[in-house]
Amino acid sequence: MSAAAQVTDTTFKQEVLESEVPVLVDFWAPWCGPCRMVAPIVDEIAAQYDGQIKVVKLNTDENPSVASQYGIRSIPTLMIFKGGQRVDMVVGAVPKTTLSNTLEKYL
């Protein structure tokens, strides 16, 4: 099973913006209850779409500059990037079907 990799302020550009495939970014923090609820869903998505998309997680407490650059106000926020651009966003702990349906538009 392919779990989501961690990205940081330093690696975000290379891992997300320069990715050849669409990227799902999970903006989260360790103290956030809903983030812990959505984490297994994000890992399932990573496994389900392995090879089609890249799934990464960014801890907003440790990496505030990327979070503020994209205007993250509440977490979890799940953003989809394609070709270096943010193309979609889901805010809050959502069901797996919601996340899958959103992702399918960019494959």
C-alpha atoms as a PDB file:
ATOM      1  CA  MET A   1       0.000   0.000   0.000  1.00  0.00           C
ATOM      2  CA  SER A   2       1.316   3.396  -0.954  1.00  0.00           C
ATOM      3  CA  ALA A   3       0.937   5.816   1.943  1.00  0.00           C
ATOM      4  CA  ALA A   4       1.050   9.538   1.362  1.00  0.00           C
ATOM      5  CA  ALA A   5       4.525  11.067   1.528  1.00  0.00           C
ATOM      6  CA  GLN A   6       5.312  14.100   3.676  1.00  0.00           C
ATOM      7  CA  VAL A   7       6.253  17.357   1.960  1.00  0.00           C
ATOM      8  CA  THR A   8       7.670  20.533   3.484  1.00  0.00           C
ATOM      9  CA  ASP A   9       8.016  24.202   2.588  1.00  0.00           C
ATOM     10  CA  THR A  10      11.376  23.216   1.068  1.00  0.00           C
ATOM     11  CA  THR A  11      10.210  20.230  -1.016  1.00  0.00           C
ATOM     12  CA  PHE A  12       6.747  21.503  -2.037  1.00  0.00           C
ATOM     13  CA  LYS A  13       7.844  23.076  -5.335  1.00  0.00           C
ATOM     14  CA  GLN A  14       9.703  19.974  -6.515  1.00  0.00           C
ATOM     15  CA  GLU A  15       7.214  17.379  -5.239  1.00  0.00           C
ATOM     16  CA  VAL A  16       3.964  19.178  -6.084  1.00  0.00           C
ATOM     17  CA  LEU A  17       4.382  22.042  -8.540  1.00  0.00           C
ATOM     18  CA  GLU A  18       6.888  20.226 -10.778  1.00  0.00           C
ATOM     19  CA  SER A  19       5.088  16.862 -10.697  1.00  0.00           C
ATOM     20  CA  GLU A  20       4.303  15.182 -14.021  1.00  0.00           C
ATOM     21  CA  VAL A  21       1.067  13.744 -12.595  1.00  0.00           C
ATOM     22  CA  PRO A  22      -1.773  15.414 -10.650  1.00  0.00           C
ATOM     23  CA  VAL A  23      -1.036  15.804  -6.923  1.00  0.00           C
ATOM     24  CA  LEU A  24      -3.448  15.629  -3.992  1.00  0.00           C
ATOM     25  CA  VAL A  25      -2.080  17.663  -1.071  1.00  0.00           C
ATOM     26  CA  ASP A  26      -3.509  17.052   2.404  1.00  0.00           C
ATOM     27  CA  PHE A  27      -2.913  20.151   4.561  1.00  0.00           C
ATOM     28  CA  TRP A  28      -3.138  18.937   8.170  1.00  0.00           C
ATOM     29  CA  ALA A  29      -1.858  19.375  11.731  1.00  0.00           C
ATOM     30  CA  PRO A  30      -1.253  16.838  14.526  1.00  0.00           C
ATOM     31  CA  TRP A  31      -3.750  18.478  16.925  1.00  0.00           C
ATOM     32  CA  CYS A  32      -6.605  18.468  14.386  1.00  0.00           C
ATOM     33  CA  GLY A  33      -9.260  15.791  15.082  1.00  0.00           C
ATOM     34  CA  PRO A  34     -10.921  15.902  11.644  1.00  0.00           C
ATOM     35  CA  CYS A  35      -7.438  15.616  10.076  1.00  0.00           C
ATOM     36  CA  ARG A  36      -6.942  12.320  11.905  1.00  0.00           C
ATOM     37  CA  MET A  37     -10.360  11.165  10.666  1.00  0.00           C
ATOM     38  CA  VAL A  38      -9.519  11.886   7.019  1.00  0.00           C
ATOM     39  CA  ALA A  39      -5.935  10.515   7.162  1.00  0.00           C
ATOM     40  CA  PRO A  40      -6.891   6.841   6.509  1.00  0.00           C
ATOM     41  CA  ILE A  41      -9.074   7.951   3.576  1.00  0.00           C
ATOM     42  CA  VAL A  42      -6.155   9.904   2.104  1.00  0.00           C
ATOM     43  CA  ASP A  43      -3.943   6.798   2.443  1.00  0.00           C
ATOM     44  CA  GLU A  44      -6.630   4.647   0.755  1.00  0.00           C
ATOM     45  CA  ILE A  45      -6.808   7.161  -2.117  1.00  0.00           C
ATOM     46  CA  ALA A  46      -2.996   7.013  -2.412  1.00  0.00           C
ATOM     47  CA  ALA A  47      -3.173   3.228  -2.783  1.00  0.00           C
ATOM     48  CA  GLN A  48      -6.206   3.236  -5.093  1.00  0.00           C
ATOM     49  CA  TYR A  49      -4.731   5.772  -7.524  1.00  0.00           C
ATOM     50  CA  ASP A  50      -1.105   4.646  -7.227  1.00  0.00           C
ATOM     51  CA  GLY A  51       0.669   5.477 -10.491  1.00  0.00           C
ATOM     52  CA  GLN A  52      -2.068   7.889 -11.631  1.00  0.00           C
ATOM     53  CA  ILE A  53      -1.662  10.605  -9.021  1.00  0.00           C
ATOM     54  CA  LYS A  54       0.769  11.544  -6.283  1.00  0.00           C
ATOM     55  CA  VAL A  55      -0.602  11.977  -2.753  1.00  0.00           C
ATOM     56  CA  VAL A  56       1.311  14.055  -0.213  1.00  0.00           C
ATOM     57  CA  LYS A  57       0.690  15.550   3.229  1.00  0.00           C
ATOM     58  CA  LEU A  58       1.872  18.921   4.489  1.00  0.00           C
ATOM     59  CA  ASN A  59       1.936  19.647   8.238  1.00  0.00           C
ATOM     60  CA  THR A  60       0.754  23.275   8.452  1.00  0.00           C
ATOM     61  CA  ASP A  61       2.311  23.784  11.911  1.00  0.00           C
ATOM     62  CA  GLU A  62       5.787  22.877  10.644  1.00  0.00           C
ATOM     63  CA  ASN A  63       5.396  24.427   7.171  1.00  0.00           C
ATOM     64  CA  PRO A  64       3.513  27.710   7.542  1.00  0.00           C
ATOM     65  CA  SER A  65       4.765  29.432   4.392  1.00  0.00           C
ATOM     66  CA  VAL A  66       3.151  27.055   1.862  1.00  0.00           C
ATOM     67  CA  ALA A  67      -0.041  26.998   3.948  1.00  0.00           C
ATOM     68  CA  SER A  68      -0.252  30.800   4.007  1.00  0.00           C
ATOM     69  CA  GLN A  69       0.720  31.046   0.322  1.00  0.00           C
ATOM     70  CA  TYR A  70      -2.389  29.011  -0.559  1.00  0.00           C
ATOM     71  CA  GLY A  71      -4.609  30.741   2.003  1.00  0.00           C
ATOM     72  CA  ILE A  72      -5.229  27.702   4.166  1.00  0.00           C
ATOM     73  CA  ARG A  73      -7.693  28.892   6.814  1.00  0.00           C
ATOM     74  CA  SER A  74      -9.133  25.624   8.064  1.00  0.00           C
ATOM     75  CA  ILE A  75      -7.837  22.084   8.085  1.00  0.00           C
ATOM     76  CA  PRO A  76      -8.047  19.505   6.777  1.00  0.00           C
ATOM     77  CA  THR A  77      -7.902  21.134   3.354  1.00  0.00           C
ATOM     78  CA  LEU A  78      -7.246  18.843   0.403  1.00  0.00           C
ATOM     79  CA  MET A  79      -5.983  20.573  -2.732  1.00  0.00           C
ATOM     80  CA  ILE A  80      -5.464  19.121  -6.170  1.00  0.00           C
ATOM     81  CA  PHE A  81      -2.604  20.468  -8.272  1.00  0.00           C
ATOM     82  CA  LYS A  82      -2.112  19.721 -11.956  1.00  0.00           C
ATOM     83  CA  GLY A  83       0.619  21.176 -14.138  1.00  0.00           C
ATOM     84  CA  GLY A  84       1.887  23.326 -11.275  1.00  0.00           C
ATOM     85  CA  GLN A  85      -1.496  24.982 -10.695  1.00  0.00           C
ATOM     86  CA  ARG A  86      -4.137  24.492  -8.012  1.00  0.00           C
ATOM     87  CA  VAL A  87      -7.159  23.136  -9.879  1.00  0.00           C
ATOM     88  CA  ASP A  88      -9.518  22.119  -7.077  1.00  0.00           C
ATOM     89  CA  MET A  89      -9.978  22.036  -3.332  1.00  0.00           C
ATOM     90  CA  VAL A  90     -12.028  20.148  -0.738  1.00  0.00           C
ATOM     91  CA  VAL A  91     -12.267  21.551   2.792  1.00  0.00           C
ATOM     92  CA  GLY A  92     -13.063  19.396   5.815  1.00  0.00           C
ATOM     93  CA  ALA A  93     -13.223  15.689   6.551  1.00  0.00           C
ATOM     94  CA  VAL A  94     -15.161  14.391   3.551  1.00  0.00           C
ATOM     95  CA  PRO A  95     -16.219  10.847   2.593  1.00  0.00           C
ATOM     96  CA  LYS A  96     -13.929   8.875   0.296  1.00  0.00           C
ATOM     97  CA  THR A  97     -16.501   9.027  -2.531  1.00  0.00           C
ATOM     98  CA  THR A  98     -16.460  12.845  -2.484  1.00  0.00           C
ATOM     99  CA  LEU A  99     -12.681  12.878  -2.725  1.00  0.00           C
ATOM    100  CA  SER A 100     -12.625  10.196  -5.457  1.00  0.00           C
ATOM    101  CA  ASN A 101     -15.250  12.015  -7.538  1.00  0.00           C
ATOM    102  CA  THR A 102     -13.289  15.267  -7.290  1.00  0.00           C
ATOM    103  CA  LEU A 103     -10.020  13.539  -8.273  1.00  0.00           C
ATOM    104  CA  GLU A 104     -11.556  11.674 -11.220  1.00  0.00           C
ATOM    105  CA  LYS A 105     -12.074  14.994 -13.033  1.00  0.00           C
ATOM    106  CA  TYR A 106      -8.308  15.479 -13.318  1.00  0.00           C
ATOM    107  CA  LEU A 107      -7.100  12.027 -14.367  1.00  0.00           C
END
